Amino acid sequence: MNAHDLALLERCILLAEEALDAGDEPFGSVLADSDGNILHEDRNRIAGGDRTRHPEFALARWAAENMASAERASATVYTSGEHCPMCAAAHAWVGLGRIVYASSSAQLAGWLEEMNVPPGPVRALPVQDIAPGIKVEGPVPELAARVRELHRRLYSGQ
């Protein structure tokens, strides 16, 4: 992980803050090409009732529609939180490359348990349990603390 990776993770956290400010759960993601150029970005959009509107899933769909197979394989998805099983599967099915995340699924599960938030309907699993061929990097401790604070704000009503 280099300084450019960290800068793109910072962008993901800003997107997660934007999601939180819009009444959504705080997740944000960026899709970058092999040179590190941002191709597409999104934030969580589940507040309208469609719980599948995760940014990582949206990026996988966008990549499938707009990128050649070789471009997808050399791309990187940056995200504020490690992909859920649904998003990890979508990532693998469209053939995207590396995933870099600020906070892990295990961290999120622990934070939510500490905050007495009931578990969701899908078990939190590491990406590599769903898609073992994908290279993943993360978490980043100093950024994970910021992601934790966004979730604390969400569940404390602040």
Protein backbone atom coordinates (compact mmCIF):
# COMPACT_ATOMS: atom_id res chain seq x y z
CA MET A 1 0.00 0.00 0.00
CA ASN A 2 1.37 3.39 -0.98
CA ALA A 3 0.50 7.07 -0.54
CA HIS A 4 -1.82 7.05 -3.56
CA ASP A 5 -3.71 4.06 -2.12
CA LEU A 6 -4.14 5.97 1.14
CA ALA A 7 -5.37 9.05 -0.73
CA LEU A 8 -8.03 6.96 -2.49
CA LEU A 9 -9.07 5.43 0.82
CA GLU A 10 -9.44 8.97 2.16
CA ARG A 11 -11.83 9.65 -0.73
CA CYS A 12 -13.79 6.53 0.28
CA ILE A 13 -14.15 7.84 3.82
CA LEU A 14 -15.43 11.18 2.48
CA LEU A 15 -17.99 9.26 0.41
CA ALA A 16 -18.95 7.31 3.55
CA GLU A 17 -19.45 10.61 5.39
CA GLU A 18 -21.59 11.83 2.48
CA ALA A 19 -23.69 8.67 2.76
CA LEU A 20 -24.14 9.17 6.50
CA ASP A 21 -25.12 12.82 5.99
CA ALA A 22 -27.72 11.65 3.43
CA GLY A 23 -29.27 9.21 5.92
CA ASP A 24 -27.49 6.09 4.70
CA GLU A 25 -25.06 3.72 6.33
CA PRO A 26 -21.51 5.08 6.04
CA PHE A 27 -19.82 3.22 3.18
CA GLY A 28 -18.01 4.66 0.17
CA SER A 29 -16.00 3.10 -2.64
CA VAL A 30 -13.80 4.11 -5.56
CA LEU A 31 -12.85 2.14 -8.70
CA ALA A 32 -9.42 3.00 -10.10
CA ASP A 33 -7.65 1.81 -13.22
CA SER A 34 -4.18 0.26 -13.27
CA ASP A 35 -2.61 3.74 -13.26
CA GLY A 36 -4.59 4.78 -10.18
CA ASN A 37 -7.01 7.07 -12.04
CA ILE A 38 -10.51 7.17 -10.59
CA LEU A 39 -12.98 5.69 -13.07
CA HIS A 40 -16.11 5.64 -10.94
CA GLU A 41 -17.15 6.12 -7.33
CA ASP A 42 -20.26 5.65 -5.26
CA ARG A 43 -21.61 5.61 -1.72
CA ASN A 44 -24.17 3.51 0.10
CA ARG A 45 -27.73 4.16 -1.10
CA ILE A 46 -29.82 1.70 0.91
CA ALA A 47 -31.97 4.27 2.73
CA GLY A 48 -34.61 4.01 0.00
CA GLY A 49 -35.29 0.39 0.99
CA ASP A 50 -33.14 -1.58 -1.47
CA ARG A 51 -30.53 -3.16 0.81
CA THR A 52 -28.47 -4.28 -2.21
CA ARG A 53 -27.48 -0.71 -3.14
CA HIS A 54 -23.95 -1.03 -1.77
CA PRO A 55 -21.25 1.02 -3.51
CA GLU A 56 -19.04 -2.01 -4.17
CA PHE A 57 -21.92 -3.77 -5.95
CA ALA A 58 -22.61 -0.63 -8.00
CA LEU A 59 -18.94 -0.42 -9.00
CA ALA A 60 -18.95 -4.07 -10.09
CA ARG A 61 -22.01 -3.42 -12.27
CA TRP A 62 -20.44 -0.26 -13.71
CA ALA A 63 -17.20 -2.10 -14.47
CA ALA A 64 -19.05 -4.94 -16.23
CA GLU A 65 -20.81 -2.42 -18.46
CA ASN A 66 -17.91 -0.06 -19.15
CA MET A 67 -14.60 -1.92 -18.99
CA ALA A 68 -12.98 -4.69 -20.97
CA SER A 69 -12.10 -7.86 -19.12
CA ALA A 70 -8.36 -7.06 -18.98
CA GLU A 71 -9.08 -3.56 -17.66
CA ARG A 72 -11.29 -4.99 -14.90
CA ALA A 73 -8.61 -7.49 -13.90
CA SER A 74 -6.00 -4.75 -13.48
CA ALA A 75 -8.34 -2.34 -11.65
CA THR A 76 -8.51 -1.77 -7.90
CA VAL A 77 -11.58 -1.17 -5.76
CA TYR A 78 -10.91 1.02 -2.73
CA THR A 79 -13.51 1.01 -0.01
CA SER A 80 -14.14 2.34 3.47
CA GLY A 81 -15.20 -1.13 4.65
CA GLU A 82 -14.34 -4.61 3.45
CA HIS A 83 -16.85 -6.02 0.97
CA CYS A 84 -19.80 -7.98 2.32
CA PRO A 85 -20.34 -11.47 0.83
CA MET A 86 -22.77 -10.10 -1.81
CA CYS A 87 -20.29 -7.47 -2.97
CA ALA A 88 -17.31 -9.85 -2.83
CA ALA A 89 -19.19 -12.26 -5.10
CA ALA A 90 -20.12 -9.49 -7.55
CA HIS A 91 -16.49 -8.31 -7.57
CA ALA A 92 -15.28 -11.82 -8.38
CA TRP A 93 -17.98 -12.56 -10.97
CA VAL A 94 -17.10 -9.49 -13.05
CA GLY A 95 -13.37 -10.18 -12.73
CA LEU A 96 -12.20 -7.09 -10.87
CA GLY A 97 -8.69 -7.04 -9.43
CA ARG A 98 -7.38 -5.99 -6.05
CA ILE A 99 -9.46 -4.71 -3.13
CA VAL A 100 -8.03 -2.18 -0.66
CA TYR A 101 -10.10 -1.37 2.41
CA ALA A 102 -9.82 0.93 5.43
CA SER A 103 -11.71 -1.32 7.88
CA SER A 104 -12.42 -5.04 7.90
CA SER A 105 -15.67 -6.97 8.20
CA ALA A 106 -14.41 -8.41 11.48
CA GLN A 107 -13.79 -4.92 12.85
CA LEU A 108 -17.26 -3.77 11.81
CA ALA A 109 -18.89 -6.82 13.40
CA GLY A 110 -17.01 -6.11 16.63
CA TRP A 111 -17.95 -2.44 16.63
CA LEU A 112 -21.62 -3.19 16.04
CA GLU A 113 -21.61 -5.77 18.82
CA GLU A 114 -20.05 -3.20 21.19
CA MET A 115 -22.83 -0.77 20.21
CA ASN A 116 -25.52 -3.44 20.80
CA VAL A 117 -26.59 -3.36 17.14
CA PRO A 118 -28.26 -6.65 16.18
CA PRO A 119 -26.43 -8.63 13.50
CA GLY A 120 -27.66 -8.32 9.93
CA PRO A 121 -29.23 -11.12 7.89
CA VAL A 122 -25.92 -12.06 6.22
CA ARG A 123 -22.86 -13.24 8.11
CA ALA A 124 -19.83 -10.95 7.91
CA LEU A 125 -17.08 -12.93 6.19
CA PRO A 126 -13.67 -11.94 4.88
CA VAL A 127 -13.55 -11.37 1.11
CA GLN A 128 -11.16 -14.28 0.69
CA ASP A 129 -13.71 -16.69 2.19
CA ILE A 130 -16.05 -15.75 -0.68
CA ALA A 131 -13.56 -15.05 -3.48
CA PRO A 132 -10.22 -16.65 -2.58
CA GLY A 133 -8.44 -15.50 -5.74
CA ILE A 134 -8.77 -11.78 -5.05
CA LYS A 135 -5.82 -9.90 -3.60
CA VAL A 136 -6.92 -7.83 -0.60
CA GLU A 137 -5.11 -5.22 1.46
CA GLY A 138 -6.36 -3.78 4.70
CA PRO A 139 -7.34 -2.76 7.24
CA VAL A 140 -5.48 0.51 7.78
CA PRO A 141 -5.58 1.19 11.55
CA GLU A 142 -5.54 5.00 11.44
CA LEU A 143 -8.33 5.04 8.85
CA ALA A 144 -10.32 2.25 10.50
CA ALA A 145 -10.66 4.44 13.59
CA ARG A 146 -12.34 7.11 11.45
CA VAL A 147 -14.70 4.55 9.91
CA ARG A 148 -15.57 3.33 13.41
CA GLU A 149 -16.49 6.87 14.38
CA LEU A 150 -18.88 7.13 11.41
CA HIS A 151 -20.66 3.97 12.56
CA ARG A 152 -20.77 5.28 16.12
CA ARG A 153 -22.44 8.43 14.82
CA LEU A 154 -24.96 6.38 12.84
CA TYR A 155 -26.00 4.19 15.74
CA SER A 156 -25.90 6.88 18.42
CA GLY A 157 -28.12 9.19 16.34
CA GLN A 158 -25.55 11.98 16.14
